[in-house]
């Protein structure tokens, strides 16, 4: 039996991994205790996605345990032991804004939880491939020191700079800057994943994601940029833009493209690797550009307001340099661009969003 363990299995990346590796014939065990709704409220719950996995993915087994619970995680790994060929670790506290409200929980989930999973892998499944979903926030706000040029709808990197053609590489330094507490907890886990690879010769990799997106994202104001923006445009929910004139640029990678990259690494792993992973030069946009696209798809204007204060540690311009990953895995390419991603998010979620609005309106009417 070939087993894949997926943490955060009801979330965006996790659920995509569950479906993909189950489709390859692997027995998938998902670990997710639904903390996203504790972080961001009921509207951010992934329960709807979990129910779809349980009904649609044959043989999927769900385990509702906290990744910080060493005894519970050890029981899962001990049960499957050497049958475990792959661990996709996508569970996290994912918001740098939320992290400041409870730094201890943020750090224990992101850093300690990763430590628990790595040690369980080392003890019970040392030959398995361990893929960690890291973040570009490990670079802190150092990217904001890059020379930027203001355009009508976005900031662009000065064409004379060495990063302009392909984006920001893994060689950018990670210290002597403001990270956000979330960036620190993810960096601690990122370096730990590398160390288990190098010190114990385990098949580990940290994928430093930019914005991760797709139709299975339970987007909320504090996390899930494109999915939440599209939801606001479709449902008439007001949206807030924070700082940088709304011209801040993000690359966005569809979760399906990301999981195909995971599969490439799974087939040919390297110990202690690090990859910047995002939409790169093909799939990126500014906030203003994203708003315009969402309005076109929804067929109505978005009610949005601008706040001058940007989020601490936030990036003005981020585009991932994918050339290192391409050099290791030349058959992989980004297949989804922003307009296609937004249309897919809208098409697959509009009915659910409208039903949620009706449910809230009925509840408010009953309470009045």
Protein backbone atom coordinates (compact mmCIF):
# COMPACT_ATOMS: atom_id res chain seq x y z
CA UNK A 1 0.00 0.00 0.00
CA UNK A 2 1.28 3.49 -0.93
CA UNK A 3 0.19 6.11 1.59
CA UNK A 4 0.27 9.90 1.36
CA UNK A 5 -0.24 11.96 4.51
CA UNK A 6 -1.69 15.43 3.85
CA UNK A 7 -1.97 17.99 6.64
CA UNK A 8 -4.40 20.86 6.28
CA UNK A 9 -6.27 18.46 4.02
CA UNK A 10 -9.53 20.44 3.90
CA UNK A 11 -7.78 23.65 2.90
CA UNK A 12 -6.80 24.95 -0.52
CA UNK A 13 -3.44 23.22 -0.99
CA UNK A 14 -4.30 20.19 1.12
CA UNK A 15 -7.54 19.35 -0.67
CA UNK A 16 -5.87 19.73 -4.07
CA UNK A 17 -3.14 17.34 -2.89
CA UNK A 18 -5.71 14.85 -1.59
CA UNK A 19 -7.51 14.68 -4.92
CA UNK A 20 -4.34 14.59 -7.01
CA UNK A 21 -2.48 11.85 -5.18
CA UNK A 22 -5.65 9.79 -4.67
CA UNK A 23 -6.13 9.95 -8.45
CA UNK A 24 -2.69 8.32 -8.79
CA UNK A 25 -3.91 5.37 -6.75
CA UNK A 26 -2.37 6.34 -3.41
CA UNK A 27 -4.18 5.82 -0.13
CA UNK A 28 -4.55 9.35 1.26
CA UNK A 29 -4.83 10.14 4.96
CA UNK A 30 -5.82 13.72 5.70
CA UNK A 31 -5.04 15.51 8.95
CA UNK A 32 -7.11 18.64 9.64
CA UNK A 33 -8.88 19.78 12.80
CA UNK A 34 -10.70 22.75 11.27
CA UNK A 35 -8.69 25.51 12.97
CA UNK A 36 -9.13 27.87 10.02
CA UNK A 37 -12.60 28.77 11.33
CA UNK A 38 -11.07 29.40 14.77
CA UNK A 39 -8.57 31.78 13.21
CA UNK A 40 -10.89 33.66 10.86
CA UNK A 41 -14.49 32.89 11.80
CA UNK A 42 -17.27 30.72 10.46
CA UNK A 43 -17.19 32.19 6.94
CA UNK A 44 -13.65 30.85 6.54
CA UNK A 45 -14.57 27.32 7.56
CA UNK A 46 -13.31 24.51 5.35
CA UNK A 47 -16.08 22.13 6.42
CA UNK A 48 -17.76 22.42 3.02
CA UNK A 49 -14.55 21.30 1.34
CA UNK A 50 -14.02 18.44 3.78
CA UNK A 51 -17.53 17.15 3.07
CA UNK A 52 -16.77 17.16 -0.64
CA UNK A 53 -13.58 15.16 -0.10
CA UNK A 54 -15.37 12.59 2.03
CA UNK A 55 -18.09 12.11 -0.57
CA UNK A 56 -16.03 12.34 -3.75
CA UNK A 57 -12.56 10.91 -3.04
CA UNK A 58 -12.65 7.15 -2.86
CA UNK A 59 -10.77 5.67 0.08
CA UNK A 60 -9.95 9.02 1.67
CA UNK A 61 -9.46 8.75 5.41
CA UNK A 62 -9.80 11.88 7.54
CA UNK A 63 -8.19 12.31 10.95
CA UNK A 64 -9.21 15.33 13.03
CA UNK A 65 -6.16 15.92 15.23
CA UNK A 66 -3.98 18.90 16.04
CA UNK A 67 -0.55 18.75 14.41
CA UNK A 68 0.92 19.93 17.73
CA UNK A 69 -0.33 16.74 19.44
CA UNK A 70 2.78 14.58 19.27
CA UNK A 71 1.12 11.44 20.64
CA UNK A 72 -1.81 11.61 18.20
CA UNK A 73 0.44 12.31 15.22
CA UNK A 74 2.74 9.45 16.23
CA UNK A 75 -0.22 7.06 16.28
CA UNK A 76 -1.14 8.02 12.71
CA UNK A 77 2.43 7.55 11.47
CA UNK A 78 2.98 4.34 13.43
CA UNK A 79 -0.15 2.83 11.86
CA UNK A 80 1.16 3.23 8.30
CA UNK A 81 4.92 3.42 8.98
CA UNK A 82 6.96 2.44 5.91
CA UNK A 83 3.85 2.44 3.70
CA UNK A 84 3.99 6.24 3.92
CA UNK A 85 5.77 7.45 0.79
CA UNK A 86 4.79 11.13 0.92
CA UNK A 87 3.92 13.82 3.44
CA UNK A 88 2.46 17.09 2.16
CA UNK A 89 2.49 19.49 5.11
CA UNK A 90 0.07 22.31 4.28
CA UNK A 91 -1.47 22.90 7.73
CA UNK A 92 -0.69 26.32 9.17
CA UNK A 93 -1.80 29.53 10.79
CA UNK A 94 -1.53 31.43 7.49
CA UNK A 95 -2.05 35.12 8.27
CA UNK A 96 0.62 37.61 9.31
CA UNK A 97 -2.14 39.93 10.62
CA UNK A 98 -3.68 37.21 12.80
CA UNK A 99 -0.28 36.14 14.13
CA UNK A 100 0.11 39.47 15.93
CA UNK A 101 -3.09 38.80 17.91
CA UNK A 102 -1.77 35.54 19.36
CA UNK A 103 1.95 35.00 18.69
CA UNK A 104 2.16 31.90 20.89
CA UNK A 105 -0.52 30.00 18.99
CA UNK A 106 0.93 31.14 15.67
CA UNK A 107 4.40 29.88 16.58
CA UNK A 108 3.30 26.59 18.08
CA UNK A 109 1.09 25.73 15.10
CA UNK A 110 3.61 26.71 12.44
CA UNK A 111 6.95 25.85 14.05
CA UNK A 112 6.19 23.27 16.74
CA UNK A 113 3.61 21.50 14.59
CA UNK A 114 6.17 21.14 11.82
CA UNK A 115 8.70 19.78 14.33
CA UNK A 116 6.20 17.15 15.47
CA UNK A 117 5.56 16.02 11.89
CA UNK A 118 9.23 15.90 10.95
CA UNK A 119 10.10 13.82 13.97
CA UNK A 120 7.21 11.42 13.33
CA UNK A 121 8.45 11.06 9.76
CA UNK A 122 12.01 10.41 10.92
CA UNK A 123 10.92 7.79 13.46
CA UNK A 124 8.33 5.88 11.44
CA UNK A 125 8.76 6.75 7.72
CA UNK A 126 12.36 7.91 7.21
CA UNK A 127 12.36 7.18 3.48
CA UNK A 128 9.25 9.22 2.77
CA UNK A 129 9.31 12.50 0.85
CA UNK A 130 8.42 15.44 3.09
CA UNK A 131 7.08 18.57 1.32
CA UNK A 132 6.52 21.68 3.41
CA UNK A 133 4.33 24.55 2.25
CA UNK A 134 6.43 27.54 3.28
CA UNK A 135 5.94 31.19 2.30
CA UNK A 136 7.73 34.12 0.70
CA UNK A 137 7.25 35.92 4.03
CA UNK A 138 10.45 34.17 5.15
CA UNK A 139 12.24 36.98 3.27
CA UNK A 140 10.57 39.58 5.48
CA UNK A 141 10.16 43.04 4.01
CA UNK A 142 13.59 43.00 2.38
CA UNK A 143 11.99 42.87 -1.10
CA UNK A 144 10.65 46.37 -0.38
CA UNK A 145 14.20 47.69 -0.67
CA UNK A 146 14.26 46.80 -4.36
CA UNK A 147 14.16 49.74 -6.82
CA UNK A 148 10.53 50.08 -7.91
CA UNK A 149 8.88 52.20 -10.56
CA UNK A 150 5.28 53.40 -10.22
CA UNK A 151 3.01 52.69 -13.19
CA UNK A 152 -0.63 53.60 -13.72
CA UNK A 153 -1.99 50.43 -12.10
CA UNK A 154 1.02 48.73 -10.49
CA UNK A 155 4.51 48.92 -9.11
CA UNK A 156 7.18 47.37 -11.33
CA UNK A 157 10.77 46.49 -10.64
CA UNK A 158 13.32 48.72 -12.35
CA UNK A 159 14.15 46.92 -15.64
CA UNK A 160 17.85 47.48 -14.96
CA UNK A 161 17.74 45.32 -11.82
CA UNK A 162 18.97 41.72 -12.09
CA UNK A 163 15.66 40.36 -10.72
CA UNK A 164 13.48 42.15 -13.29
CA UNK A 165 13.47 39.46 -15.98
CA UNK A 166 12.54 36.46 -13.84
CA UNK A 167 11.63 37.55 -10.30
CA UNK A 168 13.06 37.10 -6.81
CA UNK A 169 15.35 34.04 -6.35
CA UNK A 170 16.06 31.82 -3.36
CA UNK A 171 19.39 33.60 -2.85
CA UNK A 172 17.72 36.72 -1.43
CA UNK A 173 18.79 37.07 2.24
CA UNK A 174 16.29 36.20 4.95
CA UNK A 175 17.53 38.21 7.96
CA UNK A 176 18.10 41.81 9.11
CA UNK A 177 14.56 42.88 8.21
CA UNK A 178 10.97 42.95 9.51
CA UNK A 179 9.25 39.61 8.92
CA UNK A 180 5.94 39.75 10.79
CA UNK A 181 5.49 37.16 13.51
CA UNK A 182 3.92 34.83 10.95
CA UNK A 183 7.01 35.17 8.78
CA UNK A 184 9.20 34.22 11.73
CA UNK A 185 7.19 31.12 12.67
CA UNK A 186 7.15 29.93 9.07
CA UNK A 187 10.87 30.65 8.68
CA UNK A 188 11.64 28.60 11.79
CA UNK A 189 9.74 25.67 10.28
CA UNK A 190 11.31 26.25 6.86
CA UNK A 191 14.86 26.04 8.21
CA UNK A 192 13.94 23.02 10.34
CA UNK A 193 12.66 21.20 7.25
CA UNK A 194 15.95 21.96 5.52
CA UNK A 195 17.93 20.76 8.52
CA UNK A 196 16.12 17.41 8.71
CA UNK A 197 17.00 16.97 5.05
CA UNK A 198 20.65 17.86 5.41
CA UNK A 199 21.37 16.50 8.91
CA UNK A 200 19.35 13.28 8.70
CA UNK A 201 19.56 12.90 4.90
CA UNK A 202 15.78 12.96 4.58
CA UNK A 203 13.94 13.84 1.36
CA UNK A 204 12.63 17.23 2.44
CA UNK A 205 11.75 20.41 0.57
CA UNK A 206 10.42 23.86 1.51
CA UNK A 207 8.26 25.44 -1.18
CA UNK A 208 8.17 29.19 -0.51
CA UNK A 209 4.83 30.17 -1.93
CA UNK A 210 3.69 33.60 -3.02
CA UNK A 211 -0.10 33.87 -3.17
CA UNK A 212 -1.72 30.45 -3.45
CA UNK A 213 -5.17 30.40 -4.96
CA UNK A 214 -7.90 28.39 -6.63
CA UNK A 215 -11.61 27.57 -6.39
CA UNK A 216 -11.20 25.47 -3.23
CA UNK A 217 -9.97 28.41 -1.15
CA UNK A 218 -12.10 29.55 1.80
CA UNK A 219 -10.98 33.13 1.32
CA UNK A 220 -11.36 35.67 4.11
CA UNK A 221 -10.21 39.24 4.72
CA UNK A 222 -7.04 38.16 6.51
CA UNK A 223 -6.07 35.39 4.12
CA UNK A 224 -6.89 34.31 0.58
CA UNK A 225 -6.47 37.43 -1.56
CA UNK A 226 -7.97 36.44 -4.92
CA UNK A 227 -10.66 34.10 -3.61
CA UNK A 228 -11.92 36.65 -1.07
CA UNK A 229 -11.77 39.52 -3.55
CA UNK A 230 -13.79 37.53 -6.08
CA UNK A 231 -16.31 36.61 -3.38
CA UNK A 232 -16.71 40.27 -2.38
CA UNK A 233 -17.24 41.33 -5.99
CA UNK A 234 -19.82 38.60 -6.56
CA UNK A 235 -21.78 39.13 -3.33
CA UNK A 236 -21.58 42.90 -2.96
CA UNK A 237 -19.41 42.67 0.15
CA UNK A 238 -17.26 45.78 0.82
CA UNK A 239 -13.52 45.29 0.41
CA UNK A 240 -10.58 47.14 1.97
CA UNK A 241 -7.31 47.85 0.18
CA UNK A 242 -4.36 48.51 2.49
CA UNK A 243 -1.60 50.87 1.37
CA UNK A 244 0.79 51.23 -1.57
CA UNK A 245 -1.96 52.99 -3.60
CA UNK A 246 -3.49 49.60 -4.36
CA UNK A 247 -0.66 49.01 -6.82
CA UNK A 248 1.11 46.26 -4.83
CA UNK A 249 1.92 43.28 -7.05
CA UNK A 250 1.61 39.59 -6.22
CA UNK A 251 2.21 36.50 -8.26
CA UNK A 252 -0.56 33.96 -7.82
CA UNK A 253 -0.28 30.23 -8.44
CA UNK A 254 -3.25 27.95 -8.93
CA UNK A 255 -3.26 25.09 -6.44
CA UNK A 256 -3.35 22.58 -9.30
CA UNK A 257 -0.08 23.96 -10.70
CA UNK A 258 1.44 23.84 -7.24
CA UNK A 259 0.51 20.20 -6.65
CA UNK A 260 1.95 19.22 -10.02
CA UNK A 261 5.20 20.80 -8.82
CA UNK A 262 4.96 18.73 -5.63
CA UNK A 263 4.54 15.62 -7.76
CA UNK A 264 7.67 16.43 -9.75
CA UNK A 265 9.66 16.67 -6.53
CA UNK A 266 8.08 13.48 -5.18
CA UNK A 267 9.28 11.59 -8.26
CA UNK A 268 12.84 12.90 -7.99
CA UNK A 269 13.45 14.26 -4.47
CA UNK A 270 16.55 16.05 -3.15
CA UNK A 271 17.41 16.41 0.57
CA UNK A 272 16.90 19.82 2.18
CA UNK A 273 15.81 21.69 -0.95
CA UNK A 274 14.26 25.17 -1.12
CA UNK A 275 12.19 26.53 -3.99
CA UNK A 276 10.45 29.84 -4.53
CA UNK A 277 7.08 28.87 -5.93
CA UNK A 278 4.41 31.13 -7.38
CA UNK A 279 2.82 32.29 -10.57
CA UNK A 280 6.08 33.92 -11.59
CA UNK A 281 6.18 36.20 -14.60
CA UNK A 282 3.18 34.48 -16.21
CA UNK A 283 0.60 34.84 -13.44
CA UNK A 284 0.75 38.07 -11.43
CA UNK A 285 -1.29 41.21 -10.92
CA UNK A 286 -1.66 44.30 -8.76
CA UNK A 287 -4.57 44.86 -6.40
CA UNK A 288 -6.09 47.44 -8.77
CA UNK A 289 -5.74 45.07 -11.70
CA UNK A 290 -7.35 42.24 -9.73
CA UNK A 291 -10.28 44.46 -8.76
CA UNK A 292 -10.87 45.36 -12.41
CA UNK A 293 -10.85 41.70 -13.47
CA UNK A 294 -13.23 40.69 -10.66
CA UNK A 295 -15.65 43.46 -11.61
CA UNK A 296 -15.67 42.28 -15.22
CA UNK A 297 -16.38 38.67 -14.21
CA UNK A 298 -19.05 39.58 -11.64
CA UNK A 299 -20.63 42.08 -14.02
CA UNK A 300 -20.88 44.84 -11.41
CA UNK A 301 -18.65 47.30 -9.56
CA UNK A 302 -16.92 46.32 -6.33
CA UNK A 303 -17.55 48.48 -3.29
CA UNK A 304 -14.03 49.04 -2.03
CA UNK A 305 -12.27 51.58 0.13
CA UNK A 306 -8.63 52.50 0.46
CA UNK A 307 -6.68 52.58 3.73
CA UNK A 308 -3.35 54.40 3.64
CA UNK A 309 -1.72 52.21 6.29
CA UNK A 310 -0.21 49.10 4.75
CA UNK A 311 0.09 45.84 6.63
CA UNK A 312 3.34 45.58 8.55
CA UNK A 313 5.88 43.40 6.79
CA UNK A 314 3.77 43.31 3.62
CA UNK A 315 5.44 43.24 0.21
CA UNK A 316 5.08 46.01 -2.35
CA UNK A 317 6.21 43.81 -5.24
CA UNK A 318 6.66 40.06 -5.28
CA UNK A 319 7.18 37.83 -8.29
CA UNK A 320 8.82 34.46 -7.69
CA UNK A 321 11.82 33.41 -9.73
CA UNK A 322 10.95 29.88 -10.82
CA UNK A 323 14.17 29.20 -12.70
CA UNK A 324 15.75 27.01 -10.01
CA UNK A 325 12.73 24.70 -9.95
CA UNK A 326 12.61 24.70 -13.75
CA UNK A 327 16.27 23.71 -13.89
CA UNK A 328 15.60 20.70 -11.65
CA UNK A 329 12.23 19.81 -13.21
CA UNK A 330 12.12 21.12 -16.80
CA UNK A 331 8.81 19.43 -17.67
CA UNK A 332 6.84 21.59 -15.21
CA UNK A 333 5.29 24.94 -16.16
CA UNK A 334 2.67 27.30 -14.75
CA UNK A 335 -0.52 26.57 -16.69
CA UNK A 336 -3.03 28.98 -15.12
CA UNK A 337 -2.98 32.78 -15.49
CA UNK A 338 -4.92 35.28 -13.37
CA UNK A 339 -8.02 35.80 -15.57
CA UNK A 340 -8.53 32.05 -15.90
CA UNK A 341 -8.06 31.54 -12.16
CA UNK A 342 -10.58 34.23 -11.23
CA UNK A 343 -13.16 32.89 -13.67
CA UNK A 344 -12.74 29.40 -12.21
CA UNK A 345 -13.11 30.71 -8.66
CA UNK A 346 -16.31 32.50 -9.64
CA UNK A 347 -17.86 29.65 -11.63
CA UNK A 348 -17.28 27.02 -8.97
CA UNK A 349 -18.34 29.09 -5.96
CA UNK A 350 -21.05 31.57 -6.97
CA UNK A 351 -23.91 29.23 -6.05
CA UNK A 352 -22.41 28.44 -2.63
CA UNK A 353 -21.72 32.13 -1.93
CA UNK A 354 -25.27 33.11 -2.85
CA UNK A 355 -26.68 30.36 -0.62
CA UNK A 356 -24.51 31.59 2.26
CA UNK A 357 -25.88 35.11 1.81
CA UNK A 358 -29.48 33.84 1.84
CA UNK A 359 -28.79 31.79 4.97
CA UNK A 360 -27.33 34.82 6.78
CA UNK A 361 -30.24 37.03 5.72
CA UNK A 362 -32.77 34.46 6.94
CA UNK A 363 -30.94 34.10 10.25
CA UNK A 364 -30.86 37.88 10.71
CA UNK A 365 -34.58 38.11 9.88
CA UNK A 366 -35.43 35.35 12.37
CA UNK A 367 -33.42 37.04 15.11
CA UNK A 368 -35.09 40.44 14.57
